[in-house]
Amino acid sequence: MGCGPGALTSVLAPLVAEAVGIDADPDMVSEAATHAAPNARFVHMRAEELPGDLGTFDLVTFAQSFHWMRQDVVARAVHGMLRSAGAVVHLGATTHRGEESEVPYDAIDELVRAYLGPVRRAGAASLPDGTPRWEDEAFVEAGFAGPERIHVPGRTHVRTAEDVVASVFSQSSAAPHLFGERVADFERELREVVGNGPFTERFGEVGLSIWRR
């Protein structure tokens, strides 16, 4: 849900019979489909439009996306799409940037604000700063049991300039459609700000919350 350019979907696809990614941004869906695994498909739709004839599933994942959605509506819809032993995995972490990094994130943030203003917005509903509630409440109210918490230690990665640019566009608050006709100008300035790389970056701990039907 909120698959962006398909990074997590691509990781999960070899482990399942079929993987389906959805995103509200058509450019994200197009990019994801370009690199899709043979058993993966991507659909342009908002999470609030579920179930959308997508079928039933064993696993549904949210990675830094659930807070941009109408959480009560989406949680109830997902509960109805899961098979009897199905589960939701909610990934809560800052995975697009590290805690210690050579990437010029302050300059990148300043550039995004110059184009889009100081309030972060995302999704078709353009919810400022996401929805104002704690995500766990929505899952409990939708009838899920849990959560089981798993914590994955942080790691150090070497990132290319191209990877950094792609990660900026993969964020809901800096998705290509938000820039409209100025997206090409933004990308040009973004590449100038990022520079050539490579960049060493240490990412923090990733928290997974597992909710079962």
Protein backbone atom coordinates (compact mmCIF):
# COMPACT_ATOMS: atom_id res chain seq x y z
CA MET A 1 0.00 0.00 0.00
CA GLY A 2 1.62 3.25 -1.14
CA CYS A 3 4.24 1.22 -3.02
CA GLY A 4 6.00 4.19 -4.63
CA PRO A 5 8.52 3.00 -7.27
CA GLY A 6 8.19 -0.58 -6.02
CA ALA A 7 11.30 -1.00 -3.89
CA LEU A 8 9.70 -3.11 -1.14
CA THR A 9 7.39 -4.93 -3.57
CA SER A 10 10.43 -6.03 -5.57
CA VAL A 11 12.08 -7.43 -2.44
CA LEU A 12 8.97 -9.38 -1.44
CA ALA A 13 7.98 -10.65 -4.91
CA PRO A 14 10.43 -13.63 -5.02
CA LEU A 15 9.01 -14.87 -1.70
CA VAL A 16 5.34 -15.03 -2.74
CA ALA A 17 3.14 -16.38 -5.54
CA GLU A 18 1.99 -12.92 -6.58
CA ALA A 19 2.79 -9.40 -5.42
CA VAL A 20 0.53 -6.39 -6.01
CA GLY A 21 1.56 -2.80 -5.36
CA ILE A 22 -0.80 0.18 -5.33
CA ASP A 23 -0.03 3.89 -5.27
CA ALA A 24 -1.99 7.11 -5.77
CA ASP A 25 0.72 8.58 -8.00
CA PRO A 26 0.58 7.36 -11.64
CA ASP A 27 4.25 8.21 -12.20
CA MET A 28 5.25 6.00 -9.25
CA VAL A 29 3.16 3.12 -10.62
CA SER A 30 4.67 3.56 -14.08
CA GLU A 31 8.21 3.49 -12.67
CA ALA A 32 7.44 0.42 -10.55
CA ALA A 33 5.95 -1.43 -13.52
CA THR A 34 9.06 -0.74 -15.59
CA HIS A 35 11.17 -2.82 -13.19
CA ALA A 36 8.50 -5.28 -12.05
CA ALA A 37 9.28 -8.91 -11.27
CA PRO A 38 7.43 -11.46 -13.45
CA ASN A 39 4.94 -12.17 -10.66
CA ALA A 40 4.37 -8.54 -9.64
CA ARG A 41 1.82 -6.05 -10.89
CA PHE A 42 1.18 -2.43 -10.01
CA VAL A 43 -2.15 -0.61 -9.88
CA HIS A 44 -2.85 3.12 -9.86
CA MET A 45 -5.36 3.66 -7.07
CA ARG A 46 -5.75 5.26 -3.67
CA ALA A 47 -5.78 3.01 -0.62
CA GLU A 48 -9.16 4.49 0.29
CA GLU A 49 -10.57 2.85 -2.87
CA LEU A 50 -9.84 -0.67 -1.63
CA PRO A 51 -10.72 -3.50 -2.07
CA GLY A 52 -10.91 -2.50 -5.73
CA ASP A 53 -11.34 -6.07 -7.05
CA LEU A 54 -7.71 -6.87 -6.20
CA GLY A 55 -8.55 -10.19 -4.54
CA THR A 56 -7.57 -11.70 -1.17
CA PHE A 57 -4.10 -11.81 0.31
CA ASP A 58 -1.90 -13.49 2.90
CA LEU A 59 0.15 -10.37 3.59
CA VAL A 60 -0.39 -6.62 3.30
CA THR A 61 2.49 -4.21 3.93
CA PHE A 62 2.71 -0.50 4.67
CA ALA A 63 6.16 1.13 4.58
CA GLN A 64 6.07 4.79 5.61
CA SER A 65 2.71 5.21 3.90
CA PHE A 66 -0.11 4.45 6.35
CA HIS A 67 0.09 7.85 8.06
CA TRP A 68 -0.82 9.55 4.75
CA MET A 69 -4.08 7.58 4.46
CA ARG A 70 -7.53 7.72 6.00
CA GLN A 71 -6.43 5.14 8.49
CA ASP A 72 -9.78 3.90 9.78
CA VAL A 73 -11.15 3.45 6.25
CA VAL A 74 -8.05 1.69 4.95
CA ALA A 75 -7.57 -0.57 7.99
CA ARG A 76 -11.15 -1.85 7.74
CA ALA A 77 -10.81 -2.48 4.01
CA VAL A 78 -7.53 -4.35 4.44
CA HIS A 79 -8.99 -6.50 7.21
CA GLY A 80 -11.64 -7.70 4.77
CA MET A 81 -9.04 -8.45 2.07
CA LEU A 82 -6.94 -10.80 4.20
CA ARG A 83 -7.33 -14.57 4.25
CA SER A 84 -8.09 -16.17 7.61
CA ALA A 85 -4.41 -16.54 8.61
CA GLY A 86 -3.35 -13.28 6.97
CA ALA A 87 -1.35 -10.46 8.50
CA VAL A 88 -0.50 -6.81 8.07
CA VAL A 89 3.09 -5.68 8.51
CA HIS A 90 3.51 -2.00 9.26
CA LEU A 91 7.06 -0.74 8.80
CA GLY A 92 7.81 2.27 10.95
CA ALA A 93 11.17 3.85 10.25
CA THR A 94 12.95 6.55 8.34
CA THR A 95 14.28 4.36 5.56
CA HIS A 96 14.89 7.03 2.90
CA ARG A 97 17.64 8.75 4.91
CA GLY A 98 20.18 7.70 7.50
CA GLU A 99 21.03 8.94 10.96
CA GLU A 100 24.65 9.57 9.92
CA SER A 101 25.06 10.60 6.31
CA GLU A 102 27.21 12.38 3.74
CA VAL A 103 24.10 13.22 1.70
CA PRO A 104 23.29 16.99 1.77
CA TYR A 105 19.80 16.50 3.23
CA ASP A 106 19.45 20.02 4.65
CA ALA A 107 19.96 21.49 1.18
CA ILE A 108 17.56 18.93 -0.34
CA ASP A 109 14.87 19.79 2.23
CA GLU A 110 15.34 23.49 1.53
CA LEU A 111 14.91 22.90 -2.20
CA VAL A 112 11.71 20.87 -1.69
CA ARG A 113 10.30 23.63 0.51
CA ALA A 114 11.17 26.23 -2.11
CA TYR A 115 9.02 24.36 -4.63
CA LEU A 116 6.22 22.97 -2.46
CA GLY A 117 6.09 25.26 0.57
CA PRO A 118 6.73 24.52 4.25
CA VAL A 119 3.82 22.07 4.80
CA ARG A 120 4.46 18.47 3.79
CA ARG A 121 1.65 17.14 1.62
CA ALA A 122 0.99 13.77 0.01
CA GLY A 123 -1.61 11.58 -1.62
CA ALA A 124 -4.67 12.47 -3.61
CA ALA A 125 -6.24 14.05 -0.54
CA SER A 126 -3.12 16.18 0.14
CA LEU A 127 -3.23 15.57 3.87
CA PRO A 128 -0.90 18.04 5.63
CA ASP A 129 1.68 16.11 7.69
CA GLY A 130 -0.38 12.91 7.44
CA THR A 131 -3.42 11.97 9.48
CA PRO A 132 -3.37 13.12 13.13
CA ARG A 133 -3.66 9.83 15.02
CA TRP A 134 -1.57 6.96 16.24
CA GLU A 135 -1.59 4.15 13.65
CA ASP A 136 -2.08 1.36 16.21
CA GLU A 137 -5.54 2.65 17.09
CA ALA A 138 -6.80 2.15 13.54
CA PHE A 139 -5.67 -1.48 13.41
CA VAL A 140 -7.22 -2.28 16.80
CA GLU A 141 -10.52 -0.64 15.87
CA ALA A 142 -10.56 -2.56 12.55
CA GLY A 143 -10.44 -5.88 14.42
CA PHE A 144 -6.78 -6.83 14.18
CA ALA A 145 -4.95 -8.72 16.95
CA GLY A 146 -1.49 -7.66 18.05
CA PRO A 147 0.86 -6.20 17.48
CA GLU A 148 3.99 -8.32 17.53
CA ARG A 149 7.01 -6.01 17.37
CA ILE A 150 10.29 -6.86 15.62
CA HIS A 151 13.30 -4.54 15.59
CA VAL A 152 15.94 -4.78 12.86
CA PRO A 153 19.34 -3.17 13.64
CA GLY A 154 20.56 -0.35 11.44
CA ARG A 155 23.21 -0.83 8.75
CA THR A 156 25.69 1.28 6.77
CA HIS A 157 25.23 1.61 3.00
CA VAL A 158 27.06 3.33 0.15
CA ARG A 159 24.59 5.23 -2.04
CA THR A 160 24.98 6.67 -5.52
CA ALA A 161 23.72 10.11 -6.51
CA GLU A 162 21.10 8.41 -8.69
CA ASP A 163 19.87 6.43 -5.69
CA VAL A 164 19.51 9.60 -3.62
CA VAL A 165 17.53 11.38 -6.35
CA ALA A 166 15.24 8.36 -6.70
CA SER A 167 14.71 8.20 -2.94
CA VAL A 168 13.60 11.86 -2.84
CA PHE A 169 10.97 11.23 -5.52
CA SER A 170 9.86 8.01 -3.79
CA GLN A 171 8.66 9.95 -0.74
CA SER A 172 4.95 10.72 -0.59
CA SER A 173 5.72 14.35 0.30
CA ALA A 174 7.98 14.82 -2.76
CA ALA A 175 6.25 12.61 -5.33
CA PRO A 176 6.64 13.79 -8.94
CA HIS A 177 2.97 14.78 -9.39
CA LEU A 178 3.22 17.34 -6.57
CA PHE A 179 5.60 19.46 -8.68
CA GLY A 180 3.29 19.56 -11.69
CA GLU A 181 4.85 21.24 -14.73
CA ARG A 182 7.90 22.21 -12.66
CA VAL A 183 9.05 18.63 -12.03
CA ALA A 184 11.82 18.78 -14.66
CA ASP A 185 13.16 22.03 -13.17
CA PHE A 186 13.07 20.53 -9.69
CA GLU A 187 14.92 17.40 -10.78
CA ARG A 188 17.61 19.47 -12.50
CA GLU A 189 18.18 21.56 -9.37
CA LEU A 190 17.99 18.46 -7.17
CA ARG A 191 20.80 16.79 -9.11
CA GLU A 192 22.90 19.94 -8.75
CA VAL A 193 22.33 19.97 -4.98
CA VAL A 194 23.03 16.25 -4.55
CA GLY A 195 26.27 16.28 -6.52
CA ASN A 196 28.20 13.26 -7.75
CA GLY A 197 28.51 10.93 -4.75
CA PRO A 198 29.02 8.20 -3.71
CA PHE A 199 27.74 8.78 -0.16
CA THR A 200 28.24 6.71 2.96
CA GLU A 201 25.14 6.56 5.12
CA ARG A 202 24.23 4.72 8.30
CA PHE A 203 20.55 3.91 8.70
CA GLY A 204 18.80 3.58 12.03
CA GLU A 205 16.82 0.70 13.46
CA VAL A 206 13.73 -0.42 11.56
CA GLY A 207 10.62 -1.33 13.55
CA LEU A 208 8.06 -3.82 12.22
CA SER A 209 4.59 -4.18 13.71
CA ILE A 210 2.74 -7.38 12.78
CA TRP A 211 -1.06 -7.35 13.03
CA ARG A 212 -3.04 -10.55 12.49
CA ARG A 213 -6.60 -11.01 11.30
